[in-house]
Every structure is written in structure tokens, then in C-alpha cells.
Amino acid sequence: MTDGRLRGLVAATILVLAAMLLAGPHGCGTQFCLFDARVIPYGAEAARDHLARLTPAGLWRYLWVTQPLDTVFPALFCLSLRAIFEAWAPAPLAARLGRLAVVEAGVDYLENALIRVMLKDPAGFPDIVAPVTSALTIAKWLMIAVLLGAALRLWRARRV
């Protein structure tokens, strides 16, 4: 992949992320109303309380604006990371990091599906859904930290 295409892919990924954050629900009593941003474990009651603070318009935005954007983001993020690793890392390391990026995208999609279960029935979703979603969110963010750390380290090595 050329440097221009790589920059374009990364820019598209950043634009979708920004659109998701800007279009997401607001006014739920915390800075981020998105479950995807909650890195502190939570259970069913905390999730129900969180959802109860969303206005009907906020819930609609989450379901019909943020979630559709979040079906595009994991794939773009994965493709961006894989392209970065293929361009900047030795082949064996690029392959391992690329596989981790694919796993992260899979975890993100599963997390999104469970968030949708909660959004569709904010008061009545099964209790197990919230802690499983929370665990997936934490796992996702840990993988993102590793992947972005690796990308940053590879970028810095190229700059020296």
C-alpha cells in the first residue's frame, strides 16, 4: 500500500470515529454516554441506570446513528492497523499484530451486538448481558492499547 493510501485509510478511520463520538448520545450524566467508552466494570443495574438517563432522542441516536457507524469503524480500524504493521514492521511481527487487530475487531463486533441487546430493551435485558459486555469492552480497550502502542513504537522507529 502506498503512503498516500495508508494516510487516506487512517484519515477515513479517524473521521468515522469522530462522527461516532459527535453523533453519539449526550446528557446521560457522564462525559461519554457510550458503553464502548466505559472501561470500569459494570453490572446490569448500573447499565439500566445509565440507559434510564438517556432521553428517548439519545437512545434513538445511539441505536440508529452511533451503532451503524460502529459497524464500519472496527473494520476500518483493523484495516488501518494491519496496513500500518505491514508497512512498518518486520513480516513475522506484522503478522502477529495483524492477527491481534482482527481479534480486536471481532471482540468489538460482539460487544456492539450485546450493547444493541441492552439498547433494544433498556429495562428488561438479561442480567448476564451487562457484565459480559463490560468484560468485552475492557478486553477491547486493552487490545487497542497494545495495538496503538505497537503502532506508535513502529512510527517512532521510522522517524529516528
C-alpha atoms as a PDB file:
ATOM      1  CA  MET A   1       0.000   0.000   0.000  1.00  0.00           C
ATOM      2  CA  THR A   2       1.338   3.428  -0.886  1.00  0.00           C
ATOM      3  CA  ASP A   3       1.924   6.049   1.787  1.00  0.00           C
ATOM      4  CA  GLY A   4      -0.902   8.145   0.322  1.00  0.00           C
ATOM      5  CA  ARG A   5      -3.380   5.280   0.507  1.00  0.00           C
ATOM      6  CA  LEU A   6      -2.277   4.435   4.032  1.00  0.00           C
ATOM      7  CA  ARG A   7      -2.794   8.049   5.116  1.00  0.00           C
ATOM      8  CA  GLY A   8      -6.212   8.057   3.407  1.00  0.00           C
ATOM      9  CA  LEU A   9      -7.263   4.865   5.192  1.00  0.00           C
ATOM     10  CA  VAL A  10      -6.132   6.202   8.563  1.00  0.00           C
ATOM     11  CA  ALA A  11      -7.888   9.529   7.872  1.00  0.00           C
ATOM     12  CA  ALA A  12     -11.137   7.713   6.986  1.00  0.00           C
ATOM     13  CA  THR A  13     -10.872   5.707  10.214  1.00  0.00           C
ATOM     14  CA  ILE A  14     -10.372   8.874  12.263  1.00  0.00           C
ATOM     15  CA  LEU A  15     -13.312  10.577  10.523  1.00  0.00           C
ATOM     16  CA  VAL A  16     -15.672   7.689  11.281  1.00  0.00           C
ATOM     17  CA  LEU A  17     -14.504   7.665  14.916  1.00  0.00           C
ATOM     18  CA  ALA A  18     -15.070  11.425  15.192  1.00  0.00           C
ATOM     19  CA  ALA A  19     -18.530  11.106  13.621  1.00  0.00           C
ATOM     20  CA  MET A  20     -19.398   8.342  16.087  1.00  0.00           C
ATOM     21  CA  LEU A  21     -18.332  10.425  19.059  1.00  0.00           C
ATOM     22  CA  LEU A  22     -20.012  13.598  17.826  1.00  0.00           C
ATOM     23  CA  ALA A  23     -23.230  11.853  16.820  1.00  0.00           C
ATOM     24  CA  GLY A  24     -23.425   9.795  19.995  1.00  0.00           C
ATOM     25  CA  PRO A  25     -25.990  10.418  22.706  1.00  0.00           C
ATOM     26  CA  HIS A  26     -25.261  13.163  25.229  1.00  0.00           C
ATOM     27  CA  GLY A  27     -26.749  14.262  28.543  1.00  0.00           C
ATOM     28  CA  CYS A  28     -26.712  10.963  30.415  1.00  0.00           C
ATOM     29  CA  GLY A  29     -24.881  12.407  33.410  1.00  0.00           C
ATOM     30  CA  THR A  30     -21.394  11.317  32.348  1.00  0.00           C
ATOM     31  CA  GLN A  31     -18.999  12.682  29.780  1.00  0.00           C
ATOM     32  CA  PHE A  32     -19.467   9.677  27.493  1.00  0.00           C
ATOM     33  CA  CYS A  33     -22.872   8.081  27.163  1.00  0.00           C
ATOM     34  CA  LEU A  34     -21.470   5.231  25.072  1.00  0.00           C
ATOM     35  CA  PHE A  35     -20.969   1.841  26.689  1.00  0.00           C
ATOM     36  CA  ASP A  36     -17.987   1.396  24.366  1.00  0.00           C
ATOM     37  CA  ALA A  37     -16.144   4.080  26.351  1.00  0.00           C
ATOM     38  CA  ARG A  38     -16.742   2.603  29.824  1.00  0.00           C
ATOM     39  CA  VAL A  39     -13.534   0.949  30.983  1.00  0.00           C
ATOM     40  CA  ILE A  40     -14.691   0.456  34.585  1.00  0.00           C
ATOM     41  CA  PRO A  41     -16.599  -2.821  35.054  1.00  0.00           C
ATOM     42  CA  TYR A  42     -20.350  -2.529  35.429  1.00  0.00           C
ATOM     43  CA  GLY A  43     -23.281  -4.826  36.043  1.00  0.00           C
ATOM     44  CA  ALA A  44     -26.899  -4.987  34.967  1.00  0.00           C
ATOM     45  CA  GLU A  45     -28.237  -2.404  37.426  1.00  0.00           C
ATOM     46  CA  ALA A  46     -25.548   0.151  36.535  1.00  0.00           C
ATOM     47  CA  ALA A  47     -26.282  -0.400  32.847  1.00  0.00           C
ATOM     48  CA  ARG A  48     -30.024   0.030  33.392  1.00  0.00           C
ATOM     49  CA  ASP A  49     -29.393   3.219  35.395  1.00  0.00           C
ATOM     50  CA  HIS A  50     -27.152   4.510  32.629  1.00  0.00           C
ATOM     51  CA  LEU A  51     -29.755   3.765  29.952  1.00  0.00           C
ATOM     52  CA  ALA A  52     -32.543   5.301  32.051  1.00  0.00           C
ATOM     53  CA  ARG A  53     -30.663   8.621  31.982  1.00  0.00           C
ATOM     54  CA  LEU A  54     -30.724   8.675  28.181  1.00  0.00           C
ATOM     55  CA  THR A  55     -33.537  10.690  26.665  1.00  0.00           C
ATOM     56  CA  PRO A  56     -35.679   8.953  24.030  1.00  0.00           C
ATOM     57  CA  ALA A  57     -33.816  11.037  21.409  1.00  0.00           C
ATOM     58  CA  GLY A  58     -30.490   9.963  22.910  1.00  0.00           C
ATOM     59  CA  LEU A  59     -31.496   6.322  22.823  1.00  0.00           C
ATOM     60  CA  TRP A  60     -32.621   6.701  19.207  1.00  0.00           C
ATOM     61  CA  ARG A  61     -29.297   8.358  18.277  1.00  0.00           C
ATOM     62  CA  TYR A  62     -27.384   5.549  19.950  1.00  0.00           C
ATOM     63  CA  LEU A  63     -29.375   2.862  18.122  1.00  0.00           C
ATOM     64  CA  TRP A  64     -29.721   4.438  14.692  1.00  0.00           C
ATOM     65  CA  VAL A  65     -26.690   6.733  14.290  1.00  0.00           C
ATOM     66  CA  THR A  66     -23.875   5.621  16.585  1.00  0.00           C
ATOM     67  CA  GLN A  67     -24.369   1.881  16.247  1.00  0.00           C
ATOM     68  CA  PRO A  68     -24.453   1.906  12.418  1.00  0.00           C
ATOM     69  CA  LEU A  69     -21.246   3.958  12.395  1.00  0.00           C
ATOM     70  CA  ASP A  70     -19.807   1.428  14.829  1.00  0.00           C
ATOM     71  CA  THR A  71     -20.410  -1.320  12.295  1.00  0.00           C
ATOM     72  CA  VAL A  72     -17.967   0.432   9.958  1.00  0.00           C
ATOM     73  CA  PHE A  73     -15.359   1.559  12.492  1.00  0.00           C
ATOM     74  CA  PRO A  74     -13.967  -1.813  13.707  1.00  0.00           C
ATOM     75  CA  ALA A  75     -13.292  -2.948  10.146  1.00  0.00           C
ATOM     76  CA  LEU A  76     -11.653   0.362   9.184  1.00  0.00           C
ATOM     77  CA  PHE A  77      -9.588   0.364  12.363  1.00  0.00           C
ATOM     78  CA  CYS A  78      -8.468  -3.211  11.746  1.00  0.00           C
ATOM     79  CA  LEU A  79      -7.552  -2.473   8.120  1.00  0.00           C
ATOM     80  CA  SER A  80      -5.655   0.663   9.148  1.00  0.00           C
ATOM     81  CA  LEU A  81      -3.674  -1.171  11.804  1.00  0.00           C
ATOM     82  CA  ARG A  82      -2.894  -4.094   9.526  1.00  0.00           C
ATOM     83  CA  ALA A  83      -1.706  -1.722   6.790  1.00  0.00           C
ATOM     84  CA  ILE A  84       0.476   0.162   9.271  1.00  0.00           C
ATOM     85  CA  PHE A  85       2.005  -3.064  10.589  1.00  0.00           C
ATOM     86  CA  GLU A  86       2.607  -4.436   7.090  1.00  0.00           C
ATOM     87  CA  ALA A  87       4.294  -1.182   6.065  1.00  0.00           C
ATOM     88  CA  TRP A  88       6.388  -0.598   9.184  1.00  0.00           C
ATOM     89  CA  ALA A  89       7.062  -3.916  10.940  1.00  0.00           C
ATOM     90  CA  PRO A  90       9.090  -6.971  10.028  1.00  0.00           C
ATOM     91  CA  ALA A  91       6.865  -9.654   8.467  1.00  0.00           C
ATOM     92  CA  PRO A  92       6.610 -12.007  11.499  1.00  0.00           C
ATOM     93  CA  LEU A  93       5.726  -9.139  13.857  1.00  0.00           C
ATOM     94  CA  ALA A  94       3.328  -7.633  11.314  1.00  0.00           C
ATOM     95  CA  ALA A  95       1.542 -10.989  11.062  1.00  0.00           C
ATOM     96  CA  ARG A  96       1.152 -11.334  14.855  1.00  0.00           C
ATOM     97  CA  LEU A  97      -0.021  -7.761  15.311  1.00  0.00           C
ATOM     98  CA  GLY A  98      -2.342  -8.108  12.310  1.00  0.00           C
ATOM     99  CA  ARG A  99      -3.963 -11.172  13.886  1.00  0.00           C
ATOM    100  CA  LEU A 100      -4.429  -9.265  17.145  1.00  0.00           C
ATOM    101  CA  ALA A 101      -6.107  -6.452  15.171  1.00  0.00           C
ATOM    102  CA  VAL A 102      -8.542  -8.985  13.692  1.00  0.00           C
ATOM    103  CA  VAL A 103      -9.299 -10.413  17.148  1.00  0.00           C
ATOM    104  CA  GLU A 104      -9.875  -6.882  18.460  1.00  0.00           C
ATOM    105  CA  ALA A 105     -12.344  -6.189  15.645  1.00  0.00           C
ATOM    106  CA  GLY A 106     -14.185  -9.424  16.430  1.00  0.00           C
ATOM    107  CA  VAL A 107     -14.406  -8.516  20.111  1.00  0.00           C
ATOM    108  CA  ASP A 108     -15.666  -5.045  19.144  1.00  0.00           C
ATOM    109  CA  TYR A 109     -18.404  -6.526  16.948  1.00  0.00           C
ATOM    110  CA  LEU A 110     -19.520  -8.921  19.688  1.00  0.00           C
ATOM    111  CA  GLU A 111     -19.516  -6.048  22.196  1.00  0.00           C
ATOM    112  CA  ASN A 112     -21.634  -3.957  19.780  1.00  0.00           C
ATOM    113  CA  ALA A 113     -24.149  -6.786  19.395  1.00  0.00           C
ATOM    114  CA  LEU A 114     -24.570  -7.059  23.166  1.00  0.00           C
ATOM    115  CA  ILE A 115     -24.863  -3.289  23.532  1.00  0.00           C
ATOM    116  CA  ARG A 116     -27.662  -3.440  20.978  1.00  0.00           C
ATOM    117  CA  VAL A 117     -29.447  -6.053  23.140  1.00  0.00           C
ATOM    118  CA  MET A 118     -29.330  -3.591  26.036  1.00  0.00           C
ATOM    119  CA  LEU A 119     -30.427  -0.650  23.883  1.00  0.00           C
ATOM    120  CA  LYS A 120     -33.399  -2.532  22.430  1.00  0.00           C
ATOM    121  CA  ASP A 121     -34.768  -3.389  25.901  1.00  0.00           C
ATOM    122  CA  PRO A 122     -33.162  -0.946  28.378  1.00  0.00           C
ATOM    123  CA  ALA A 123     -35.155  -2.119  31.383  1.00  0.00           C
ATOM    124  CA  GLY A 124     -35.547  -5.810  30.598  1.00  0.00           C
ATOM    125  CA  PHE A 125     -32.379  -7.198  29.028  1.00  0.00           C
ATOM    126  CA  PRO A 126     -30.998 -10.372  30.683  1.00  0.00           C
ATOM    127  CA  ASP A 127     -28.726  -9.571  33.643  1.00  0.00           C
ATOM    128  CA  ILE A 128     -25.772 -11.522  32.190  1.00  0.00           C
ATOM    129  CA  VAL A 129     -25.560  -9.223  29.149  1.00  0.00           C
ATOM    130  CA  ALA A 130     -24.138  -6.218  31.024  1.00  0.00           C
ATOM    131  CA  PRO A 131     -21.140  -7.855  32.751  1.00  0.00           C
ATOM    132  CA  VAL A 132     -20.244  -9.796  29.590  1.00  0.00           C
ATOM    133  CA  THR A 133     -20.440  -6.564  27.583  1.00  0.00           C
ATOM    134  CA  SER A 134     -18.342  -4.806  30.204  1.00  0.00           C
ATOM    135  CA  ALA A 135     -15.684  -7.533  30.074  1.00  0.00           C
ATOM    136  CA  LEU A 136     -15.594  -7.332  26.271  1.00  0.00           C
ATOM    137  CA  THR A 137     -15.218  -3.550  26.448  1.00  0.00           C
ATOM    138  CA  ILE A 138     -12.269  -3.850  28.837  1.00  0.00           C
ATOM    139  CA  ALA A 139     -10.654  -6.547  26.676  1.00  0.00           C
ATOM    140  CA  LYS A 140     -11.174  -4.392  23.582  1.00  0.00           C
ATOM    141  CA  TRP A 141      -9.512  -1.373  25.186  1.00  0.00           C
ATOM    142  CA  LEU A 142      -6.568  -3.466  26.400  1.00  0.00           C
ATOM    143  CA  MET A 143      -6.027  -4.787  22.872  1.00  0.00           C
ATOM    144  CA  ILE A 144      -6.374  -1.274  21.440  1.00  0.00           C
ATOM    145  CA  ALA A 145      -3.738  -0.027  23.889  1.00  0.00           C
ATOM    146  CA  VAL A 146      -1.322  -2.778  22.819  1.00  0.00           C
ATOM    147  CA  LEU A 147      -2.016  -2.217  19.120  1.00  0.00           C
ATOM    148  CA  LEU A 148      -1.722   1.566  19.270  1.00  0.00           C
ATOM    149  CA  GLY A 149       1.388   1.262  21.440  1.00  0.00           C
ATOM    150  CA  ALA A 150       2.951  -1.019  18.847  1.00  0.00           C
ATOM    151  CA  ALA A 151       1.983   1.345  16.018  1.00  0.00           C
ATOM    152  CA  LEU A 152       3.440   4.315  17.901  1.00  0.00           C
ATOM    153  CA  ARG A 153       6.658   2.448  18.607  1.00  0.00           C
ATOM    154  CA  LEU A 154       6.984   1.450  14.948  1.00  0.00           C
ATOM    155  CA  TRP A 155       6.282   5.025  13.840  1.00  0.00           C
ATOM    156  CA  ARG A 156       8.888   6.412  16.226  1.00  0.00           C
ATOM    157  CA  ALA A 157      11.442   3.878  14.989  1.00  0.00           C
ATOM    158  CA  ARG A 158      10.837   5.093  11.432  1.00  0.00           C
ATOM    159  CA  ARG A 159      11.322   8.730  12.479  1.00  0.00           C
ATOM    160  CA  VAL A 160      14.775   8.143  14.017  1.00  0.00           C
END
